[in-house]
């Protein structure tokens, strides 16, 4: 009576481990940036719900940078020049944070991530 063997060979198993390891390494490099982006989003939502009546753009930037510190966002990631406020035709203001983050991966391969988030502000922004 012949028995048929089934399963994966050692070479096949090693190839699967290498592929899974590669993607796990990629995820470990990218996950902190997305976690940091979630902190930026949370800080922006806090600014939007507080209201901005009479605050200037500089005051809003300072307040946002202060809140970003509590969310473990690195100062080199979001610079004050990345924070803008635009007024719509209806008189409402929109807070926008747009920044790029370059993450070294291996050898001369880098990831370039672009993050862009906008939230509507409550109240009037002063000059």
PDB file of N, CA and C in Angstrom:
ATOM      1  N   UNK A   1       0.840  -1.175   0.000  1.00  0.00           N
ATOM      2  CA  UNK A   1       0.000   0.000   0.000  1.00  0.00           C
ATOM      3  C   UNK A   1       0.888   1.242   0.000  1.00  0.00           C
ATOM      4  N   UNK A   2       0.667   2.078  -0.987  1.00  0.00           N
ATOM      5  CA  UNK A   2       1.445   3.315  -1.093  1.00  0.00           C
ATOM      6  C   UNK A   2       0.717   4.435  -0.380  1.00  0.00           C
ATOM      7  N   UNK A   3       1.502   5.227   0.349  1.00  0.00           N
ATOM      8  CA  UNK A   3       0.895   6.398   0.990  1.00  0.00           C
ATOM      9  C   UNK A   3       1.353   7.647   0.251  1.00  0.00           C
ATOM     10  N   UNK A   4       0.440   8.545   0.044  1.00  0.00           N
ATOM     11  CA  UNK A   4       0.752   9.789  -0.657  1.00  0.00           C
ATOM     12  C   UNK A   4       1.106  10.844   0.383  1.00  0.00           C
ATOM     13  N   UNK A   5       2.255  11.455   0.193  1.00  0.00           N
ATOM     14  CA  UNK A   5       2.676  12.496   1.121  1.00  0.00           C
ATOM     15  C   UNK A   5       2.049  13.816   0.711  1.00  0.00           C
ATOM     16  N   UNK A   6       1.732  14.614   1.705  1.00  0.00           N
ATOM     17  CA  UNK A   6       1.186  15.939   1.425  1.00  0.00           C
ATOM     18  C   UNK A   6       1.833  16.933   2.378  1.00  0.00           C
ATOM     19  N   UNK A   7       1.840  18.168   1.965  1.00  0.00           N
ATOM     20  CA  UNK A   7       2.436  19.199   2.819  1.00  0.00           C
ATOM     21  C   UNK A   7       3.372  20.068   2.010  1.00  0.00           C
ATOM     22  N   UNK A   8       4.120  20.861   2.716  1.00  0.00           N
ATOM     23  CA  UNK A   8       5.010  21.825   2.081  1.00  0.00           C
ATOM     24  C   UNK A   8       6.447  21.368   2.290  1.00  0.00           C
ATOM     25  N   UNK A   9       7.270  21.615   1.309  1.00  0.00           N
ATOM     26  CA  UNK A   9       8.681  21.242   1.427  1.00  0.00           C
ATOM     27  C   UNK A   9       9.420  22.304   2.232  1.00  0.00           C
ATOM     28  N   UNK A  10      10.626  21.983   2.620  1.00  0.00           N
ATOM     29  CA  UNK A  10      11.441  22.918   3.379  1.00  0.00           C
ATOM     30  C   UNK A  10      11.771  24.162   2.560  1.00  0.00           C
ATOM     31  N   UNK A  11      12.094  23.977   1.293  1.00  0.00           N
ATOM     32  CA  UNK A  11      12.406  25.119   0.418  1.00  0.00           C
ATOM     33  C   UNK A  11      11.169  26.007   0.263  1.00  0.00           C
ATOM     34  N   UNK A  12      10.019  25.416   0.055  1.00  0.00           N
ATOM     35  CA  UNK A  12       8.780  26.195  -0.062  1.00  0.00           C
ATOM     36  C   UNK A  12       8.475  26.956   1.213  1.00  0.00           C
ATOM     37  N   UNK A  13       8.707  26.306   2.345  1.00  0.00           N
ATOM     38  CA  UNK A  13       8.478  26.962   3.637  1.00  0.00           C
ATOM     39  C   UNK A  13       9.417  28.153   3.826  1.00  0.00           C
ATOM     40  N   UNK A  14      10.683  28.005   3.446  1.00  0.00           N
ATOM     41  CA  UNK A  14      11.644  29.107   3.567  1.00  0.00           C
ATOM     42  C   UNK A  14      11.269  30.280   2.656  1.00  0.00           C
ATOM     43  N   UNK A  15      10.785  29.994   1.467  1.00  0.00           N
ATOM     44  CA  UNK A  15      10.357  31.071   0.556  1.00  0.00           C
ATOM     45  C   UNK A  15       9.173  31.820   1.158  1.00  0.00           C
ATOM     46  N   UNK A  16       8.236  31.106   1.727  1.00  0.00           N
ATOM     47  CA  UNK A  16       7.076  31.752   2.360  1.00  0.00           C
ATOM     48  C   UNK A  16       7.527  32.608   3.542  1.00  0.00           C
ATOM     49  N   UNK A  17       8.461  32.115   4.341  1.00  0.00           N
ATOM     50  CA  UNK A  17       8.978  32.885   5.485  1.00  0.00           C
ATOM     51  C   UNK A  17       9.661  34.166   5.013  1.00  0.00           C
ATOM     52  N   UNK A  18      10.429  34.104   3.925  1.00  0.00           N
ATOM     53  CA  UNK A  18      11.115  35.280   3.394  1.00  0.00           C
ATOM     54  C   UNK A  18      10.099  36.320   2.913  1.00  0.00           C
ATOM     55  N   UNK A  19       9.067  35.887   2.204  1.00  0.00           N
ATOM     56  CA  UNK A  19       8.052  36.829   1.698  1.00  0.00           C
ATOM     57  C   UNK A  19       7.283  37.454   2.855  1.00  0.00           C
ATOM     58  N   UNK A  20       6.865  36.646   3.808  1.00  0.00           N
ATOM     59  CA  UNK A  20       6.135  37.173   4.969  1.00  0.00           C
ATOM     60  C   UNK A  20       7.036  38.108   5.781  1.00  0.00           C
ATOM     61  N   UNK A  21       8.302  37.750   5.952  1.00  0.00           N
ATOM     62  CA  UNK A  21       9.248  38.608   6.672  1.00  0.00           C
ATOM     63  C   UNK A  21       9.455  39.944   5.991  1.00  0.00           C
ATOM     64  N   UNK A  22       9.516  39.942   4.655  1.00  0.00           N
ATOM     65  CA  UNK A  22       9.676  41.184   3.902  1.00  0.00           C
ATOM     66  C   UNK A  22       8.504  42.124   4.146  1.00  0.00           C
ATOM     67  N   UNK A  23       7.292  41.598   4.043  1.00  0.00           N
ATOM     68  CA  UNK A  23       6.122  42.444   4.254  1.00  0.00           C
ATOM     69  C   UNK A  23       5.973  42.863   5.717  1.00  0.00           C
ATOM     70  N   UNK A  24       6.402  42.022   6.639  1.00  0.00           N
ATOM     71  CA  UNK A  24       6.371  42.404   8.054  1.00  0.00           C
ATOM     72  C   UNK A  24       7.359  43.536   8.322  1.00  0.00           C
ATOM     73  N   UNK A  25       8.535  43.476   7.710  1.00  0.00           N
ATOM     74  CA  UNK A  25       9.531  44.542   7.855  1.00  0.00           C
ATOM     75  C   UNK A  25       8.990  45.847   7.272  1.00  0.00           C
ATOM     76  N   UNK A  26       8.319  45.764   6.127  1.00  0.00           N
ATOM     77  CA  UNK A  26       7.734  46.947   5.515  1.00  0.00           C
ATOM     78  C   UNK A  26       6.659  47.546   6.429  1.00  0.00           C
ATOM     79  N   UNK A  27       5.840  46.721   7.019  1.00  0.00           N
ATOM     80  CA  UNK A  27       4.791  47.198   7.924  1.00  0.00           C
ATOM     81  C   UNK A  27       5.387  47.846   9.168  1.00  0.00           C
ATOM     82  N   UNK A  28       6.490  47.268   9.676  1.00  0.00           N
ATOM     83  CA  UNK A  28       7.132  47.861  10.862  1.00  0.00           C
ATOM     84  C   UNK A  28       7.726  49.227  10.553  1.00  0.00           C
ATOM     85  N   UNK A  29       8.156  49.453   9.327  1.00  0.00           N
ATOM     86  CA  UNK A  29       8.703  50.756   8.955  1.00  0.00           C
ATOM     87  C   UNK A  29       7.596  51.791   8.738  1.00  0.00           C
ATOM     88  N   UNK A  30       6.435  51.368   8.230  1.00  0.00           N
ATOM     89  CA  UNK A  30       5.363  52.293   7.872  1.00  0.00           C
ATOM     90  C   UNK A  30       4.372  52.557   9.006  1.00  0.00           C
ATOM     91  N   UNK A  31       4.168  51.624   9.895  1.00  0.00           N
ATOM     92  CA  UNK A  31       3.142  51.756  10.937  1.00  0.00           C
ATOM     93  C   UNK A  31       3.343  52.983  11.830  1.00  0.00           C
ATOM     94  N   UNK A  32       4.559  53.330  12.268  1.00  0.00           N
ATOM     95  CA  UNK A  32       4.701  54.522  13.114  1.00  0.00           C
ATOM     96  C   UNK A  32       4.267  55.823  12.419  1.00  0.00           C
ATOM     97  N   UNK A  33       4.467  55.924  11.118  1.00  0.00           N
ATOM     98  CA  UNK A  33       4.062  57.132  10.394  1.00  0.00           C
ATOM     99  C   UNK A  33       2.547  57.276  10.361  1.00  0.00           C
ATOM    100  N   UNK A  34       1.858  56.161  10.175  1.00  0.00           N
ATOM    101  CA  UNK A  34       0.403  56.222  10.169  1.00  0.00           C
ATOM    102  C   UNK A  34      -0.150  56.459  11.567  1.00  0.00           C
ATOM    103  N   UNK A  35       0.519  55.946  12.572  1.00  0.00           N
ATOM    104  CA  UNK A  35       0.130  56.230  13.949  1.00  0.00           C
ATOM    105  C   UNK A  35       0.307  57.716  14.258  1.00  0.00           C
ATOM    106  N   UNK A  36       1.391  58.284  13.763  1.00  0.00           N
ATOM    107  CA  UNK A  36       1.639  59.715  13.937  1.00  0.00           C
ATOM    108  C   UNK A  36       0.573  60.547  13.221  1.00  0.00           C
ATOM    109  N   UNK A  37       0.158  60.104  12.033  1.00  0.00           N
ATOM    110  CA  UNK A  37      -0.895  60.796  11.285  1.00  0.00           C
ATOM    111  C   UNK A  37      -2.217  60.772  12.055  1.00  0.00           C
ATOM    112  N   UNK A  38      -2.489  59.679  12.738  1.00  0.00           N
ATOM    113  CA  UNK A  38      -3.703  59.622  13.555  1.00  0.00           C
ATOM    114  C   UNK A  38      -3.636  60.646  14.682  1.00  0.00           C
ATOM    115  N   UNK A  39      -2.450  60.878  15.235  1.00  0.00           N
ATOM    116  CA  UNK A  39      -2.269  61.916  16.248  1.00  0.00           C
ATOM    117  C   UNK A  39      -2.505  63.301  15.686  1.00  0.00           C
ATOM    118  N   UNK A  40      -2.046  63.536  14.451  1.00  0.00           N
ATOM    119  CA  UNK A  40      -2.287  64.828  13.794  1.00  0.00           C
ATOM    120  C   UNK A  40      -3.785  65.030  13.598  1.00  0.00           C
ATOM    121  N   UNK A  41      -4.466  63.995  13.144  1.00  0.00           N
ATOM    122  CA  UNK A  41      -5.917  64.078  12.931  1.00  0.00           C
ATOM    123  C   UNK A  41      -6.647  64.374  14.232  1.00  0.00           C
ATOM    124  N   UNK A  42      -6.241  63.713  15.311  1.00  0.00           N
ATOM    125  CA  UNK A  42      -6.897  63.930  16.607  1.00  0.00           C
ATOM    126  C   UNK A  42      -6.674  65.356  17.100  1.00  0.00           C
ATOM    127  N   UNK A  43      -5.457  65.872  16.967  1.00  0.00           N
ATOM    128  CA  UNK A  43      -5.163  67.244  17.398  1.00  0.00           C
ATOM    129  C   UNK A  43      -5.940  68.260  16.562  1.00  0.00           C
ATOM    130  N   UNK A  44      -6.058  68.011  15.265  1.00  0.00           N
ATOM    131  CA  UNK A  44      -6.818  68.928  14.399  1.00  0.00           C
ATOM    132  C   UNK A  44      -8.297  68.940  14.780  1.00  0.00           C
ATOM    133  N   UNK A  45      -8.839  67.780  15.086  1.00  0.00           N
ATOM    134  CA  UNK A  45     -10.249  67.721  15.493  1.00  0.00           C
ATOM    135  C   UNK A  45     -10.473  68.445  16.820  1.00  0.00           C
ATOM    136  N   UNK A  46      -9.494  68.375  17.723  1.00  0.00           N
ATOM    137  CA  UNK A  46      -9.605  69.115  18.986  1.00  0.00           C
ATOM    138  C   UNK A  46      -9.623  70.616  18.731  1.00  0.00           C
ATOM    139  N   UNK A  47      -8.778  71.103  17.842  1.00  0.00           N
ATOM    140  CA  UNK A  47      -8.741  72.530  17.506  1.00  0.00           C
ATOM    141  C   UNK A  47     -10.066  72.946  16.877  1.00  0.00           C
ATOM    142  N   UNK A  48     -10.594  72.097  15.990  1.00  0.00           N
ATOM    143  CA  UNK A  48     -11.833  72.436  15.290  1.00  0.00           C
ATOM    144  C   UNK A  48     -13.019  72.517  16.243  1.00  0.00           C
ATOM    145  N   UNK A  49     -13.066  71.664  17.251  1.00  0.00           N
ATOM    146  CA  UNK A  49     -14.217  71.669  18.152  1.00  0.00           C
ATOM    147  C   UNK A  49     -14.102  72.738  19.233  1.00  0.00           C
ATOM    148  N   UNK A  50     -12.888  73.223  19.510  1.00  0.00           N
ATOM    149  CA  UNK A  50     -12.724  74.267  20.528  1.00  0.00           C
ATOM    150  C   UNK A  50     -13.298  75.606  20.085  1.00  0.00           C
ATOM    151  N   UNK A  51     -13.291  75.842  18.797  1.00  0.00           N
ATOM    152  CA  UNK A  51     -13.728  77.148  18.295  1.00  0.00           C
ATOM    153  C   UNK A  51     -12.532  78.070  18.143  1.00  0.00           C
ATOM    154  N   UNK A  52     -12.629  78.949  17.169  1.00  0.00           N
ATOM    155  CA  UNK A  52     -11.485  79.815  16.852  1.00  0.00           C
ATOM    156  C   UNK A  52     -11.877  81.286  16.806  1.00  0.00           C
ATOM    157  N   UNK A  53     -12.910  81.678  17.503  1.00  0.00           N
ATOM    158  CA  UNK A  53     -13.361  83.065  17.438  1.00  0.00           C
ATOM    159  C   UNK A  53     -12.257  84.035  17.839  1.00  0.00           C
ATOM    160  N   UNK A  54     -11.881  84.895  16.897  1.00  0.00           N
ATOM    161  CA  UNK A  54     -10.916  85.951  17.178  1.00  0.00           C
ATOM    162  C   UNK A  54      -9.473  85.515  17.242  1.00  0.00           C
ATOM    163  N   UNK A  55      -9.175  84.228  17.100  1.00  0.00           N
ATOM    164  CA  UNK A  55      -7.783  83.774  17.153  1.00  0.00           C
ATOM    165  C   UNK A  55      -7.117  84.012  15.805  1.00  0.00           C
ATOM    166  N   UNK A  56      -5.847  84.386  15.855  1.00  0.00           N
ATOM    167  CA  UNK A  56      -5.101  84.586  14.621  1.00  0.00           C
ATOM    168  C   UNK A  56      -4.533  83.253  14.144  1.00  0.00           C
ATOM    169  N   UNK A  57      -4.013  83.266  12.923  1.00  0.00           N
ATOM    170  CA  UNK A  57      -3.413  82.061  12.361  1.00  0.00           C
ATOM    171  C   UNK A  57      -2.227  81.607  13.211  1.00  0.00           C
ATOM    172  N   UNK A  58      -1.431  82.546  13.698  1.00  0.00           N
ATOM    173  CA  UNK A  58      -0.286  82.184  14.535  1.00  0.00           C
ATOM    174  C   UNK A  58      -0.725  81.537  15.842  1.00  0.00           C
ATOM    175  N   UNK A  59      -1.803  82.057  16.446  1.00  0.00           N
ATOM    176  CA  UNK A  59      -2.309  81.458  17.692  1.00  0.00           C
ATOM    177  C   UNK A  59      -2.822  80.043  17.450  1.00  0.00           C
ATOM    178  N   UNK A  60      -3.505  79.844  16.322  1.00  0.00           N
ATOM    179  CA  UNK A  60      -4.021  78.515  15.995  1.00  0.00           C
ATOM    180  C   UNK A  60      -2.860  77.564  15.726  1.00  0.00           C
ATOM    181  N   UNK A  61      -1.825  78.027  15.021  1.00  0.00           N
ATOM    182  CA  UNK A  61      -0.646  77.187  14.763  1.00  0.00           C
ATOM    183  C   UNK A  61       0.049  76.804  16.067  1.00  0.00           C
ATOM    184  N   UNK A  62       0.231  77.785  16.964  1.00  0.00           N
ATOM    185  CA  UNK A  62       0.870  77.488  18.253  1.00  0.00           C
ATOM    186  C   UNK A  62       0.064  76.472  19.047  1.00  0.00           C
ATOM    187  N   UNK A  63      -1.247  76.668  19.082  1.00  0.00           N
ATOM    188  CA  UNK A  63      -2.125  75.758  19.816  1.00  0.00           C
ATOM    189  C   UNK A  63      -2.078  74.352  19.211  1.00  0.00           C
ATOM    190  N   UNK A  64      -2.076  74.273  17.878  1.00  0.00           N
ATOM    191  CA  UNK A  64      -2.017  72.969  17.224  1.00  0.00           C
ATOM    192  C   UNK A  64      -0.668  72.297  17.477  1.00  0.00           C
ATOM    193  N   UNK A  65       0.426  73.046  17.398  1.00  0.00           N
ATOM    194  CA  UNK A  65       1.752  72.461  17.655  1.00  0.00           C
ATOM    195  C   UNK A  65       1.849  71.968  19.099  1.00  0.00           C
ATOM    196  N   UNK A  66       1.225  72.697  20.023  1.00  0.00           N
ATOM    197  CA  UNK A  66       1.204  72.273  21.428  1.00  0.00           C
ATOM    198  C   UNK A  66       0.449  70.951  21.574  1.00  0.00           C
ATOM    199  N   UNK A  67      -0.696  70.848  20.910  1.00  0.00           N
ATOM    200  CA  UNK A  67      -1.496  69.622  20.985  1.00  0.00           C
ATOM    201  C   UNK A  67      -0.806  68.460  20.273  1.00  0.00           C
ATOM    202  N   UNK A  68      -0.050  68.751  19.231  1.00  0.00           N
ATOM    203  CA  UNK A  68       0.684  67.692  18.534  1.00  0.00           C
ATOM    204  C   UNK A  68       1.740  67.072  19.444  1.00  0.00           C
ATOM    205  N   UNK A  69       2.305  67.871  20.349  1.00  0.00           N
ATOM    206  CA  UNK A  69       3.271  67.347  21.302  1.00  0.00           C
ATOM    207  C   UNK A  69       2.656  66.298  22.214  1.00  0.00           C
ATOM    208  N   UNK A  70       1.392  66.485  22.573  1.00  0.00           N
ATOM    209  CA  UNK A  70       0.706  65.507  23.419  1.00  0.00           C
ATOM    210  C   UNK A  70       0.364  64.230  22.656  1.00  0.00           C
ATOM    211  N   UNK A  71       0.303  64.324  21.330  1.00  0.00           N
ATOM    212  CA  UNK A  71      -0.029  63.157  20.507  1.00  0.00           C
ATOM    213  C   UNK A  71       1.224  62.435  20.001  1.00  0.00           C
ATOM    214  N   UNK A  72       2.395  62.799  20.544  1.00  0.00           N
ATOM    215  CA  UNK A  72       3.673  62.182  20.173  1.00  0.00           C
ATOM    216  C   UNK A  72       4.008  62.377  18.703  1.00  0.00           C
ATOM    217  N   UNK A  73       3.671  63.548  18.168  1.00  0.00           N
ATOM    218  CA  UNK A  73       4.040  63.881  16.800  1.00  0.00           C
ATOM    219  C   UNK A  73       5.352  64.637  16.867  1.00  0.00           C
ATOM    220  N   UNK A  74       6.331  64.184  16.114  1.00  0.00           N
ATOM    221  CA  UNK A  74       7.659  64.781  16.125  1.00  0.00           C
ATOM    222  C   UNK A  74       7.613  66.191  15.538  1.00  0.00           C
ATOM    223  N   UNK A  75       8.388  67.102  16.118  1.00  0.00           N
ATOM    224  CA  UNK A  75       8.428  68.480  15.636  1.00  0.00           C
ATOM    225  C   UNK A  75       8.966  68.566  14.212  1.00  0.00           C
ATOM    226  N   UNK A  76       9.811  67.641  13.812  1.00  0.00           N
ATOM    227  CA  UNK A  76      10.367  67.658  12.459  1.00  0.00           C
ATOM    228  C   UNK A  76       9.353  67.156  11.429  1.00  0.00           C
ATOM    229  N   UNK A  77       8.309  66.482  11.875  1.00  0.00           N
ATOM    230  CA  UNK A  77       7.317  65.944  10.942  1.00  0.00           C
ATOM    231  C   UNK A  77       6.399  67.037  10.424  1.00  0.00           C
ATOM    232  N   UNK A  78       5.722  67.739  11.319  1.00  0.00           N
ATOM    233  CA  UNK A  78       4.803  68.812  10.940  1.00  0.00           C
ATOM    234  C   UNK A  78       5.430  70.135  11.342  1.00  0.00           C
ATOM    235  N   UNK A  79       5.716  70.943  10.341  1.00  0.00           N
ATOM    236  CA  UNK A  79       6.290  72.263  10.585  1.00  0.00           C
ATOM    237  C   UNK A  79       5.165  73.303  10.559  1.00  0.00           C
ATOM    238  N   UNK A  80       5.354  74.444  11.197  1.00  0.00           N
ATOM    239  CA  UNK A  80       4.305  75.475  11.156  1.00  0.00           C
ATOM    240  C   UNK A  80       3.926  75.899   9.734  1.00  0.00           C
ATOM    241  N   UNK A  81       4.864  75.812   8.803  1.00  0.00           N
ATOM    242  CA  UNK A  81       4.544  76.190   7.421  1.00  0.00           C
ATOM    243  C   UNK A  81       3.622  75.171   6.740  1.00  0.00           C
ATOM    244  N   UNK A  82       3.468  73.980   7.306  1.00  0.00           N
ATOM    245  CA  UNK A  82       2.570  72.960   6.756  1.00  0.00           C
ATOM    246  C   UNK A  82       1.118  73.186   7.154  1.00  0.00           C
ATOM    247  N   UNK A  83       0.885  74.133   8.066  1.00  0.00           N
ATOM    248  CA  UNK A  83      -0.458  74.401   8.586  1.00  0.00           C
ATOM    249  C   UNK A  83      -1.008  75.643   7.900  1.00  0.00           C
ATOM    250  N   UNK A  84      -2.140  75.503   7.223  1.00  0.00           N
ATOM    251  CA  UNK A  84      -2.761  76.640   6.537  1.00  0.00           C
ATOM    252  C   UNK A  84      -4.238  76.717   6.900  1.00  0.00           C
ATOM    253  N   UNK A  85      -4.775  77.921   6.786  1.00  0.00           N
ATOM    254  CA  UNK A  85      -6.208  78.143   6.978  1.00  0.00           C
ATOM    255  C   UNK A  85      -6.724  78.858   5.738  1.00  0.00           C
ATOM    256  N   UNK A  86      -7.757  78.297   5.138  1.00  0.00           N
ATOM    257  CA  UNK A  86      -8.352  78.889   3.939  1.00  0.00           C
ATOM    258  C   UNK A  86      -9.782  79.278   4.264  1.00  0.00           C
ATOM    259  N   UNK A  87     -10.174  80.412   3.726  1.00  0.00           N
ATOM    260  CA  UNK A  87     -11.560  80.857   3.891  1.00  0.00           C
ATOM    261  C   UNK A  87     -12.354  80.512   2.642  1.00  0.00           C
ATOM    262  N   UNK A  88     -13.503  79.905   2.853  1.00  0.00           N
ATOM    263  CA  UNK A  88     -14.390  79.574   1.744  1.00  0.00           C
ATOM    264  C   UNK A  88     -15.266  80.773   1.418  1.00  0.00           C
ATOM    265  N   UNK A  89     -15.975  80.693   0.315  1.00  0.00           N
ATOM    266  CA  UNK A  89     -16.847  81.778  -0.116  1.00  0.00           C
ATOM    267  C   UNK A  89     -17.971  82.031   0.891  1.00  0.00           C
ATOM    268  N   UNK A  90     -18.395  81.005   1.613  1.00  0.00           N
ATOM    269  CA  UNK A  90     -19.477  81.148   2.579  1.00  0.00           C
ATOM    270  C   UNK A  90     -19.044  81.781   3.892  1.00  0.00           C
ATOM    271  N   UNK A  91     -17.765  82.135   4.023  1.00  0.00           N
ATOM    272  CA  UNK A  91     -17.279  82.747   5.247  1.00  0.00           C
ATOM    273  C   UNK A  91     -16.723  81.752   6.249  1.00  0.00           C
ATOM    274  N   UNK A  92     -16.821  80.455   5.956  1.00  0.00           N
ATOM    275  CA  UNK A  92     -16.274  79.453   6.861  1.00  0.00           C
ATOM    276  C   UNK A  92     -14.787  79.258   6.579  1.00  0.00           C
ATOM    277  N   UNK A  93     -14.075  78.806   7.572  1.00  0.00           N
ATOM    278  CA  UNK A  93     -12.637  78.569   7.438  1.00  0.00           C
ATOM    279  C   UNK A  93     -12.342  77.075   7.537  1.00  0.00           C
ATOM    280  N   UNK A  94     -11.299  76.667   6.845  1.00  0.00           N
ATOM    281  CA  UNK A  94     -10.890  75.263   6.837  1.00  0.00           C
ATOM    282  C   UNK A  94      -9.419  75.190   7.230  1.00  0.00           C
ATOM    283  N   UNK A  95      -9.129  74.382   8.245  1.00  0.00           N
ATOM    284  CA  UNK A  95      -7.759  74.150   8.690  1.00  0.00           C
ATOM    285  C   UNK A  95      -7.202  72.961   7.918  1.00  0.00           C
ATOM    286  N   UNK A  96      -6.055  73.163   7.278  1.00  0.00           N
ATOM    287  CA  UNK A  96      -5.431  72.113   6.469  1.00  0.00           C
ATOM    288  C   UNK A  96      -4.006  71.880   6.933  1.00  0.00           C
ATOM    289  N   UNK A  97      -3.655  70.624   7.098  1.00  0.00           N
ATOM    290  CA  UNK A  97      -2.274  70.234   7.387  1.00  0.00           C
ATOM    291  C   UNK A  97      -1.853  69.265   6.291  1.00  0.00           C
ATOM    292  N   UNK A  98      -0.817  69.632   5.549  1.00  0.00           N
ATOM    293  CA  UNK A  98      -0.300  68.792   4.474  1.00  0.00           C
ATOM    294  C   UNK A  98       1.209  68.687   4.642  1.00  0.00           C
ATOM    295  N   UNK A  99       1.700  67.458   4.722  1.00  0.00           N
ATOM    296  CA  UNK A  99       3.133  67.262   4.898  1.00  0.00           C
ATOM    297  C   UNK A  99       3.568  65.951   4.245  1.00  0.00           C
ATOM    298  N   UNK A 100       4.855  65.871   3.942  1.00  0.00           N
ATOM    299  CA  UNK A 100       5.447  64.662   3.384  1.00  0.00           C
ATOM    300  C   UNK A 100       6.388  64.054   4.414  1.00  0.00           C
ATOM    301  N   UNK A 101       6.494  62.749   4.379  1.00  0.00           N
ATOM    302  CA  UNK A 101       7.415  62.060   5.280  1.00  0.00           C
ATOM    303  C   UNK A 101       8.186  61.025   4.470  1.00  0.00           C
ATOM    304  N   UNK A 102       9.508  61.114   4.543  1.00  0.00           N
ATOM    305  CA  UNK A 102      10.364  60.181   3.832  1.00  0.00           C
ATOM    306  C   UNK A 102      10.918  59.176   4.829  1.00  0.00           C
ATOM    307  N   UNK A 103      10.731  57.886   4.521  1.00  0.00           N
ATOM    308  CA  UNK A 103      11.146  56.821   5.429  1.00  0.00           C
ATOM    309  C   UNK A 103      12.161  55.931   4.707  1.00  0.00           C
ATOM    310  N   UNK A 104      13.384  55.848   5.218  1.00  0.00           N
ATOM    311  CA  UNK A 104      14.358  54.950   4.593  1.00  0.00           C
ATOM    312  C   UNK A 104      13.938  53.488   4.785  1.00  0.00           C
ATOM    313  N   UNK A 105      14.038  52.716   3.714  1.00  0.00           N
ATOM    314  CA  UNK A 105      13.607  51.323   3.781  1.00  0.00           C
ATOM    315  C   UNK A 105      14.814  50.386   3.765  1.00  0.00           C
ATOM    316  N   UNK A 106      15.479  50.292   2.642  1.00  0.00           N
ATOM    317  CA  UNK A 106      16.699  49.478   2.566  1.00  0.00           C
ATOM    318  C   UNK A 106      17.547  49.992   1.402  1.00  0.00           C
ATOM    319  N   UNK A 107      18.826  50.010   1.622  1.00  0.00           N
ATOM    320  CA  UNK A 107      19.803  50.479   0.646  1.00  0.00           C
ATOM    321  C   UNK A 107      19.413  51.868   0.160  1.00  0.00           C
ATOM    322  N   UNK A 108      19.108  52.021  -1.136  1.00  0.00           N
ATOM    323  CA  UNK A 108      18.729  53.331  -1.644  1.00  0.00           C
ATOM    324  C   UNK A 108      17.229  53.417  -1.933  1.00  0.00           C
ATOM    325  N   UNK A 109      16.455  52.594  -1.269  1.00  0.00           N
ATOM    326  CA  UNK A 109      14.996  52.588  -1.440  1.00  0.00           C
ATOM    327  C   UNK A 109      14.365  53.275  -0.237  1.00  0.00           C
ATOM    328  N   UNK A 110      13.555  54.292  -0.510  1.00  0.00           N
ATOM    329  CA  UNK A 110      12.833  55.035   0.526  1.00  0.00           C
ATOM    330  C   UNK A 110      11.343  55.016   0.200  1.00  0.00           C
ATOM    331  N   UNK A 111      10.548  55.183   1.235  1.00  0.00           N
ATOM    332  CA  UNK A 111       9.120  55.411   1.065  1.00  0.00           C
ATOM    333  C   UNK A 111       8.875  56.901   1.218  1.00  0.00           C
ATOM    334  N   UNK A 112       8.056  57.471   0.348  1.00  0.00           N
ATOM    335  CA  UNK A 112       7.648  58.866   0.471  1.00  0.00           C
ATOM    336  C   UNK A 112       6.142  58.868   0.693  1.00  0.00           C
ATOM    337  N   UNK A 113       5.728  59.272   1.887  1.00  0.00           N
ATOM    338  CA  UNK A 113       4.311  59.308   2.243  1.00  0.00           C
ATOM    339  C   UNK A 113       3.840  60.744   2.234  1.00  0.00           C
ATOM    340  N   UNK A 114       2.697  60.992   1.635  1.00  0.00           N
ATOM    341  CA  UNK A 114       2.108  62.337   1.615  1.00  0.00           C
ATOM    342  C   UNK A 114       0.809  62.282   2.410  1.00  0.00           C
ATOM    343  N   UNK A 115       0.730  63.134   3.419  1.00  0.00           N
ATOM    344  CA  UNK A 115      -0.457  63.206   4.264  1.00  0.00           C
ATOM    345  C   UNK A 115      -1.110  64.568   4.069  1.00  0.00           C
ATOM    346  N   UNK A 116      -2.429  64.585   3.962  1.00  0.00           N
ATOM    347  CA  UNK A 116      -3.181  65.819   3.765  1.00  0.00           C
ATOM    348  C   UNK A 116      -4.517  65.661   4.484  1.00  0.00           C
ATOM    349  N   UNK A 117      -4.784  66.544   5.436  1.00  0.00           N
ATOM    350  CA  UNK A 117      -6.029  66.464   6.214  1.00  0.00           C
ATOM    351  C   UNK A 117      -6.614  67.863   6.347  1.00  0.00           C
ATOM    352  N   UNK A 118      -7.906  68.002   6.151  1.00  0.00           N
ATOM    353  CA  UNK A 118      -8.605  69.275   6.309  1.00  0.00           C
ATOM    354  C   UNK A 118      -9.799  69.088   7.231  1.00  0.00           C
ATOM    355  N   UNK A 119     -10.004  70.072   8.110  1.00  0.00           N
ATOM    356  CA  UNK A 119     -11.180  70.063   8.983  1.00  0.00           C
ATOM    357  C   UNK A 119     -11.795  71.458   8.974  1.00  0.00           C
ATOM    358  N   UNK A 120     -13.126  71.551   8.989  1.00  0.00           N
ATOM    359  CA  UNK A 120     -13.776  72.864   9.056  1.00  0.00           C
ATOM    360  C   UNK A 120     -13.661  73.436  10.478  1.00  0.00           C
ATOM    361  N   UNK A 121     -13.413  74.724  10.566  1.00  0.00           N
ATOM    362  CA  UNK A 121     -13.296  75.392  11.859  1.00  0.00           C
ATOM    363  C   UNK A 121     -14.611  76.040  12.243  1.00  0.00           C
ATOM    364  N   UNK A 122     -14.861  76.083  13.551  1.00  0.00           N
ATOM    365  CA  UNK A 122     -16.052  76.746  14.057  1.00  0.00           C
ATOM    366  C   UNK A 122     -15.653  78.149  14.504  1.00  0.00           C
ATOM    367  N   UNK A 123     -16.417  79.129  14.087  1.00  0.00           N
ATOM    368  CA  UNK A 123     -16.119  80.508  14.485  1.00  0.00           C
ATOM    369  C   UNK A 123     -15.309  81.225  13.431  1.00  0.00           C
ATOM    370  N   UNK A 124     -15.078  82.498  13.678  1.00  0.00           N
ATOM    371  CA  UNK A 124     -14.339  83.340  12.753  1.00  0.00           C
ATOM    372  C   UNK A 124     -12.883  83.408  13.153  1.00  0.00           C
ATOM    373  N   UNK A 125     -12.010  83.309  12.176  1.00  0.00           N
ATOM    374  CA  UNK A 125     -10.580  83.409  12.432  1.00  0.00           C
ATOM    375  C   UNK A 125     -10.191  84.864  12.235  1.00  0.00           C
ATOM    376  N   UNK A 126      -9.486  85.417  13.235  1.00  0.00           N
ATOM    377  CA  UNK A 126      -9.029  86.797  13.152  1.00  0.00           C
ATOM    378  C   UNK A 126      -7.812  86.907  12.250  1.00  0.00           C
ATOM    379  N   UNK A 127      -7.438  88.115  11.998  1.00  0.00           N
ATOM    380  CA  UNK A 127      -6.274  88.352  11.116  1.00  0.00           C
ATOM    381  C   UNK A 127      -5.052  88.280  11.930  1.00  0.00           C
TER     382      UNK A 127
END
